[in-house]
C-alpha cells in the first residue's frame, strides 16, 4: 500500500506503514537504519519508530540504490557520500513520473468504453 504524501498532512508514519509502502519487511528498515546514517526515525518512549516524510525520502533513496540499481550496501554508502543531491533528484523525478503514469492510467480507465 503506497502512502499518498500529496494528500496527507500527517507528520509521522509507523514502521509498518513505511514497510508496506516500499513492499519490504520491517526488519529490512531496521537493518538499513543501522547501515545508513541518513535513516534515523524518531523513537517514542516505548521504542516505536516514527518516520517523517524526510526519513521516508531517505529510505526511497537507499531503496533505489540497493534494490533498483543493485548496488551493494558499501556501493550505496559511497554513492550517497559523493553525490547524494544528484541521487535525490533522480529519485524525485522517478517518483513524479510514477505519479503521472498512475494519473494517466486512471484517466484511461475513466474513458474506457466497454
N, C-alpha and C. Protein backbone atom coordinates (compact mmCIF):
# COMPACT_ATOMS: atom_id res chain seq x y z
N UNK A 1 0.84 -1.18 0.00
CA UNK A 1 0.00 0.00 0.00
C UNK A 1 0.89 1.24 0.00
N UNK A 2 0.76 2.03 -1.02
CA UNK A 2 1.56 3.25 -1.14
C UNK A 2 0.96 4.36 -0.28
N UNK A 3 1.85 5.13 0.33
CA UNK A 3 1.41 6.27 1.14
C UNK A 3 1.20 7.45 0.19
N UNK A 4 0.07 8.11 0.31
CA UNK A 4 -0.25 9.26 -0.53
C UNK A 4 0.23 10.53 0.18
N UNK A 5 1.48 10.90 -0.07
CA UNK A 5 2.07 12.05 0.61
C UNK A 5 1.43 13.37 0.19
N UNK A 6 0.97 13.43 -1.05
CA UNK A 6 0.41 14.67 -1.58
C UNK A 6 -0.86 15.08 -0.83
N UNK A 7 -1.64 14.09 -0.41
CA UNK A 7 -2.92 14.39 0.23
C UNK A 7 -2.92 14.09 1.73
N UNK A 8 -1.73 13.99 2.31
CA UNK A 8 -1.63 13.66 3.73
C UNK A 8 -0.91 14.78 4.48
N UNK A 9 -1.46 15.16 5.62
CA UNK A 9 -0.78 16.15 6.44
C UNK A 9 -0.22 15.53 7.71
N UNK A 10 -0.09 14.22 7.72
CA UNK A 10 0.47 13.54 8.88
C UNK A 10 1.96 13.85 9.01
N UNK A 11 2.42 13.94 10.25
CA UNK A 11 3.82 14.21 10.50
C UNK A 11 4.64 12.94 10.59
N UNK A 12 4.03 11.86 11.09
CA UNK A 12 4.76 10.62 11.33
C UNK A 12 4.02 9.41 10.78
N UNK A 13 4.80 8.42 10.37
CA UNK A 13 4.27 7.16 9.86
C UNK A 13 4.94 6.02 10.62
N UNK A 14 4.21 4.94 10.85
CA UNK A 14 4.75 3.80 11.58
C UNK A 14 5.66 2.98 10.67
N UNK A 15 6.47 2.13 11.29
CA UNK A 15 7.36 1.27 10.52
C UNK A 15 6.55 0.31 9.64
N UNK A 16 5.38 -0.09 10.13
CA UNK A 16 4.51 -1.00 9.37
C UNK A 16 4.04 -0.31 8.08
N UNK A 17 3.63 0.95 8.19
CA UNK A 17 3.16 1.70 7.01
C UNK A 17 4.29 1.92 6.02
N UNK A 18 5.47 2.25 6.52
CA UNK A 18 6.61 2.52 5.64
C UNK A 18 7.05 1.24 4.95
N UNK A 19 7.09 0.14 5.68
CA UNK A 19 7.47 -1.15 5.09
C UNK A 19 6.48 -1.53 3.99
N UNK A 20 5.19 -1.34 4.24
CA UNK A 20 4.17 -1.65 3.23
C UNK A 20 4.33 -0.74 2.01
N UNK A 21 4.66 0.52 2.24
CA UNK A 21 4.85 1.48 1.15
C UNK A 21 5.93 1.00 0.17
N UNK A 22 7.02 0.47 0.72
CA UNK A 22 8.13 0.02 -0.12
C UNK A 22 8.06 -1.46 -0.47
N UNK A 23 7.11 -2.19 0.14
CA UNK A 23 7.00 -3.61 -0.12
C UNK A 23 8.17 -4.41 0.43
N UNK A 24 8.66 -4.00 1.60
CA UNK A 24 9.79 -4.69 2.25
C UNK A 24 9.38 -5.09 3.66
N UNK A 25 10.21 -5.91 4.28
CA UNK A 25 9.98 -6.29 5.67
C UNK A 25 10.41 -5.18 6.61
N UNK A 26 9.76 -5.12 7.75
CA UNK A 26 10.13 -4.13 8.77
C UNK A 26 11.57 -4.33 9.21
N UNK A 27 12.01 -5.58 9.25
CA UNK A 27 13.38 -5.88 9.68
C UNK A 27 14.41 -5.26 8.74
N UNK A 28 14.08 -5.17 7.45
CA UNK A 28 15.00 -4.54 6.50
C UNK A 28 15.15 -3.06 6.82
N UNK A 29 14.05 -2.40 7.16
CA UNK A 29 14.13 -0.98 7.52
C UNK A 29 14.99 -0.79 8.77
N UNK A 30 14.81 -1.66 9.75
CA UNK A 30 15.63 -1.57 10.97
C UNK A 30 17.11 -1.81 10.64
N UNK A 31 17.38 -2.75 9.73
CA UNK A 31 18.75 -3.03 9.33
C UNK A 31 19.35 -1.82 8.61
N UNK A 32 18.62 -1.26 7.65
CA UNK A 32 19.13 -0.09 6.92
C UNK A 32 19.39 1.08 7.87
N UNK A 33 18.60 1.18 8.91
CA UNK A 33 18.79 2.23 9.91
C UNK A 33 20.18 2.11 10.55
N UNK A 34 20.65 0.87 10.75
CA UNK A 34 21.98 0.67 11.33
C UNK A 34 23.09 0.89 10.30
N UNK A 35 22.78 0.71 9.02
CA UNK A 35 23.78 0.80 7.97
C UNK A 35 23.93 2.19 7.34
N UNK A 36 22.86 2.98 7.40
CA UNK A 36 22.86 4.29 6.74
C UNK A 36 22.47 5.37 7.74
N UNK A 37 23.38 6.29 7.98
CA UNK A 37 23.13 7.34 8.98
C UNK A 37 22.03 8.30 8.55
N UNK A 38 21.70 8.34 7.27
CA UNK A 38 20.65 9.26 6.82
C UNK A 38 19.25 8.77 7.21
N UNK A 39 19.15 7.51 7.63
CA UNK A 39 17.86 6.97 8.08
C UNK A 39 17.87 6.95 9.60
N UNK A 40 17.14 7.88 10.18
CA UNK A 40 17.12 7.96 11.65
C UNK A 40 15.74 8.38 12.14
N UNK A 41 14.81 7.43 12.17
CA UNK A 41 13.46 7.77 12.63
C UNK A 41 13.45 8.13 14.11
N UNK A 42 12.48 8.90 14.46
CA UNK A 42 12.27 9.26 15.87
C UNK A 42 11.73 8.02 16.58
N UNK A 43 12.11 7.86 17.84
CA UNK A 43 11.59 6.73 18.61
C UNK A 43 10.80 7.25 19.80
N UNK A 44 9.66 6.63 20.03
CA UNK A 44 8.83 7.01 21.17
C UNK A 44 9.45 6.42 22.44
N UNK A 45 8.90 6.81 23.58
CA UNK A 45 9.39 6.26 24.84
C UNK A 45 9.28 4.74 24.87
N UNK A 46 8.29 4.22 24.19
CA UNK A 46 8.09 2.77 24.13
C UNK A 46 8.97 2.09 23.09
N UNK A 47 9.74 2.86 22.32
CA UNK A 47 10.64 2.29 21.33
C UNK A 47 10.07 2.16 19.93
N UNK A 48 8.85 2.63 19.71
CA UNK A 48 8.25 2.57 18.38
C UNK A 48 8.89 3.62 17.47
N UNK A 49 9.17 3.23 16.25
CA UNK A 49 9.77 4.16 15.29
C UNK A 49 8.68 5.00 14.64
N UNK A 50 8.99 6.30 14.48
CA UNK A 50 8.08 7.22 13.80
C UNK A 50 8.87 7.89 12.68
N UNK A 51 8.44 7.65 11.45
CA UNK A 51 9.14 8.15 10.28
C UNK A 51 8.49 9.43 9.76
N UNK A 52 9.31 10.43 9.48
CA UNK A 52 8.83 11.66 8.84
C UNK A 52 8.90 11.48 7.32
N UNK A 53 8.37 12.44 6.60
CA UNK A 53 8.45 12.38 5.14
C UNK A 53 9.91 12.43 4.70
N UNK A 54 10.73 13.18 5.42
CA UNK A 54 12.16 13.24 5.09
C UNK A 54 12.82 11.88 5.29
N UNK A 55 12.49 11.20 6.39
CA UNK A 55 13.01 9.86 6.62
C UNK A 55 12.62 8.93 5.48
N UNK A 56 11.36 9.01 5.07
CA UNK A 56 10.85 8.15 4.00
C UNK A 56 11.54 8.47 2.67
N UNK A 57 11.82 9.75 2.45
CA UNK A 57 12.58 10.14 1.26
C UNK A 57 13.98 9.55 1.26
N UNK A 58 14.62 9.52 2.42
CA UNK A 58 15.94 8.92 2.53
C UNK A 58 15.89 7.41 2.32
N UNK A 59 14.83 6.78 2.82
CA UNK A 59 14.65 5.35 2.59
C UNK A 59 14.45 5.10 1.10
N UNK A 60 13.69 5.96 0.44
CA UNK A 60 13.47 5.82 -1.01
C UNK A 60 14.79 5.89 -1.76
N UNK A 61 15.67 6.76 -1.30
CA UNK A 61 16.99 6.90 -1.92
C UNK A 61 17.80 5.61 -1.76
N UNK A 62 17.85 5.07 -0.56
CA UNK A 62 18.57 3.83 -0.31
C UNK A 62 17.92 2.69 -1.09
N UNK A 63 16.60 2.63 -1.08
CA UNK A 63 15.86 1.59 -1.83
C UNK A 63 16.25 1.64 -3.30
N UNK A 64 16.26 2.83 -3.87
CA UNK A 64 16.60 3.00 -5.29
C UNK A 64 18.01 2.48 -5.58
N UNK A 65 18.95 2.84 -4.73
CA UNK A 65 20.34 2.44 -4.96
C UNK A 65 20.54 0.93 -4.78
N UNK A 66 19.92 0.37 -3.74
CA UNK A 66 20.16 -1.04 -3.41
C UNK A 66 19.25 -1.96 -4.22
N UNK A 67 17.97 -1.67 -4.26
CA UNK A 67 17.02 -2.58 -4.91
C UNK A 67 16.91 -2.34 -6.41
N UNK A 68 16.79 -1.08 -6.83
CA UNK A 68 16.60 -0.79 -8.25
C UNK A 68 17.91 -0.87 -9.03
N UNK A 69 18.96 -0.22 -8.50
CA UNK A 69 20.24 -0.19 -9.21
C UNK A 69 21.12 -1.39 -8.89
N UNK A 70 20.80 -2.11 -7.81
CA UNK A 70 21.54 -3.31 -7.48
C UNK A 70 22.90 -3.08 -6.84
N UNK A 71 23.10 -1.91 -6.24
CA UNK A 71 24.38 -1.64 -5.58
C UNK A 71 24.48 -2.42 -4.27
N UNK A 72 25.70 -2.70 -3.88
CA UNK A 72 25.93 -3.28 -2.56
C UNK A 72 25.71 -2.19 -1.53
N UNK A 73 25.63 -2.56 -0.26
CA UNK A 73 25.47 -1.56 0.78
C UNK A 73 26.64 -0.59 0.77
N UNK A 74 27.84 -1.11 0.60
CA UNK A 74 29.02 -0.24 0.55
C UNK A 74 28.95 0.69 -0.66
N UNK A 75 28.54 0.14 -1.79
CA UNK A 75 28.40 0.96 -3.00
C UNK A 75 27.36 2.06 -2.81
N UNK A 76 26.27 1.73 -2.16
CA UNK A 76 25.23 2.73 -1.89
C UNK A 76 25.76 3.80 -0.93
N UNK A 77 26.51 3.38 0.10
CA UNK A 77 27.10 4.36 1.04
C UNK A 77 28.03 5.32 0.32
N UNK A 78 28.88 4.78 -0.57
CA UNK A 78 29.83 5.62 -1.31
C UNK A 78 29.09 6.59 -2.25
N UNK A 79 28.06 6.08 -2.90
CA UNK A 79 27.27 6.94 -3.80
C UNK A 79 26.64 8.08 -3.02
N UNK A 80 26.07 7.77 -1.85
CA UNK A 80 25.44 8.80 -1.03
C UNK A 80 26.49 9.80 -0.51
N UNK A 81 27.66 9.31 -0.21
CA UNK A 81 28.73 10.17 0.31
C UNK A 81 29.18 11.18 -0.74
N UNK A 82 29.27 10.73 -2.00
CA UNK A 82 29.84 11.59 -3.04
C UNK A 82 28.82 12.39 -3.85
N UNK A 83 27.63 11.88 -4.01
CA UNK A 83 26.65 12.66 -4.79
C UNK A 83 25.21 12.38 -4.35
N UNK A 84 24.94 12.63 -3.09
CA UNK A 84 23.60 12.40 -2.54
C UNK A 84 22.57 13.30 -3.22
N UNK A 85 22.93 14.56 -3.45
CA UNK A 85 21.97 15.51 -4.04
C UNK A 85 21.52 15.06 -5.43
N UNK A 86 22.45 14.60 -6.24
CA UNK A 86 22.11 14.13 -7.58
C UNK A 86 21.20 12.91 -7.51
N UNK A 87 21.52 11.98 -6.63
CA UNK A 87 20.70 10.78 -6.48
C UNK A 87 19.31 11.13 -5.96
N UNK A 88 19.24 12.09 -5.04
CA UNK A 88 17.95 12.53 -4.51
C UNK A 88 17.08 13.09 -5.63
N UNK A 89 17.67 13.91 -6.48
CA UNK A 89 16.91 14.48 -7.61
C UNK A 89 16.41 13.37 -8.54
N UNK A 90 17.25 12.38 -8.79
CA UNK A 90 16.85 11.28 -9.67
C UNK A 90 15.64 10.54 -9.08
N UNK A 91 15.70 10.25 -7.80
CA UNK A 91 14.59 9.54 -7.16
C UNK A 91 13.32 10.38 -7.20
N UNK A 92 13.45 11.69 -6.97
CA UNK A 92 12.28 12.57 -7.02
C UNK A 92 11.66 12.59 -8.40
N UNK A 93 12.49 12.60 -9.43
CA UNK A 93 11.98 12.59 -10.81
C UNK A 93 11.26 11.27 -11.08
N UNK A 94 11.85 10.16 -10.65
CA UNK A 94 11.23 8.85 -10.85
C UNK A 94 9.87 8.79 -10.15
N UNK A 95 9.81 9.30 -8.92
CA UNK A 95 8.54 9.29 -8.18
C UNK A 95 7.50 10.15 -8.87
N UNK A 96 7.91 11.29 -9.39
CA UNK A 96 6.97 12.18 -10.08
C UNK A 96 6.45 11.50 -11.36
N UNK A 97 7.34 10.84 -12.09
CA UNK A 97 6.92 10.13 -13.30
C UNK A 97 5.96 8.99 -12.97
N UNK A 98 6.20 8.30 -11.85
CA UNK A 98 5.29 7.23 -11.44
C UNK A 98 3.91 7.77 -11.10
N UNK A 99 3.85 8.96 -10.47
CA UNK A 99 2.56 9.58 -10.16
C UNK A 99 1.84 9.97 -11.44
N UNK A 100 2.57 10.53 -12.39
CA UNK A 100 1.98 10.93 -13.67
C UNK A 100 1.45 9.69 -14.40
N UNK A 101 2.23 8.62 -14.38
CA UNK A 101 1.81 7.38 -15.03
C UNK A 101 0.51 6.87 -14.42
N UNK A 102 0.41 6.91 -13.08
CA UNK A 102 -0.79 6.45 -12.41
C UNK A 102 -1.99 7.32 -12.79
N UNK A 103 -1.77 8.64 -12.84
CA UNK A 103 -2.85 9.54 -13.23
C UNK A 103 -3.32 9.24 -14.65
N UNK A 104 -2.38 8.99 -15.55
CA UNK A 104 -2.74 8.68 -16.93
C UNK A 104 -3.50 7.35 -17.01
N UNK A 105 -3.07 6.37 -16.22
CA UNK A 105 -3.78 5.08 -16.21
C UNK A 105 -5.19 5.25 -15.66
N UNK A 106 -5.34 6.09 -14.63
CA UNK A 106 -6.66 6.36 -14.08
C UNK A 106 -7.55 7.04 -15.11
N UNK A 107 -6.98 8.00 -15.84
CA UNK A 107 -7.75 8.67 -16.90
C UNK A 107 -8.15 7.69 -18.00
N UNK A 108 -7.24 6.81 -18.36
CA UNK A 108 -7.53 5.82 -19.38
C UNK A 108 -8.70 4.93 -18.95
N UNK A 109 -8.70 4.51 -17.68
CA UNK A 109 -9.81 3.69 -17.16
C UNK A 109 -11.12 4.46 -17.21
N UNK A 110 -11.04 5.76 -16.91
CA UNK A 110 -12.24 6.60 -16.90
C UNK A 110 -12.87 6.68 -18.29
N UNK A 111 -12.02 6.73 -19.31
CA UNK A 111 -12.51 6.90 -20.68
C UNK A 111 -12.72 5.58 -21.41
N UNK A 112 -12.37 4.48 -20.76
CA UNK A 112 -12.54 3.16 -21.37
C UNK A 112 -14.03 2.87 -21.54
N UNK A 113 -14.38 2.53 -22.75
CA UNK A 113 -15.77 2.17 -23.04
C UNK A 113 -15.82 0.68 -23.27
N UNK A 114 -16.68 0.02 -22.52
CA UNK A 114 -16.78 -1.43 -22.65
C UNK A 114 -17.88 -1.83 -23.58
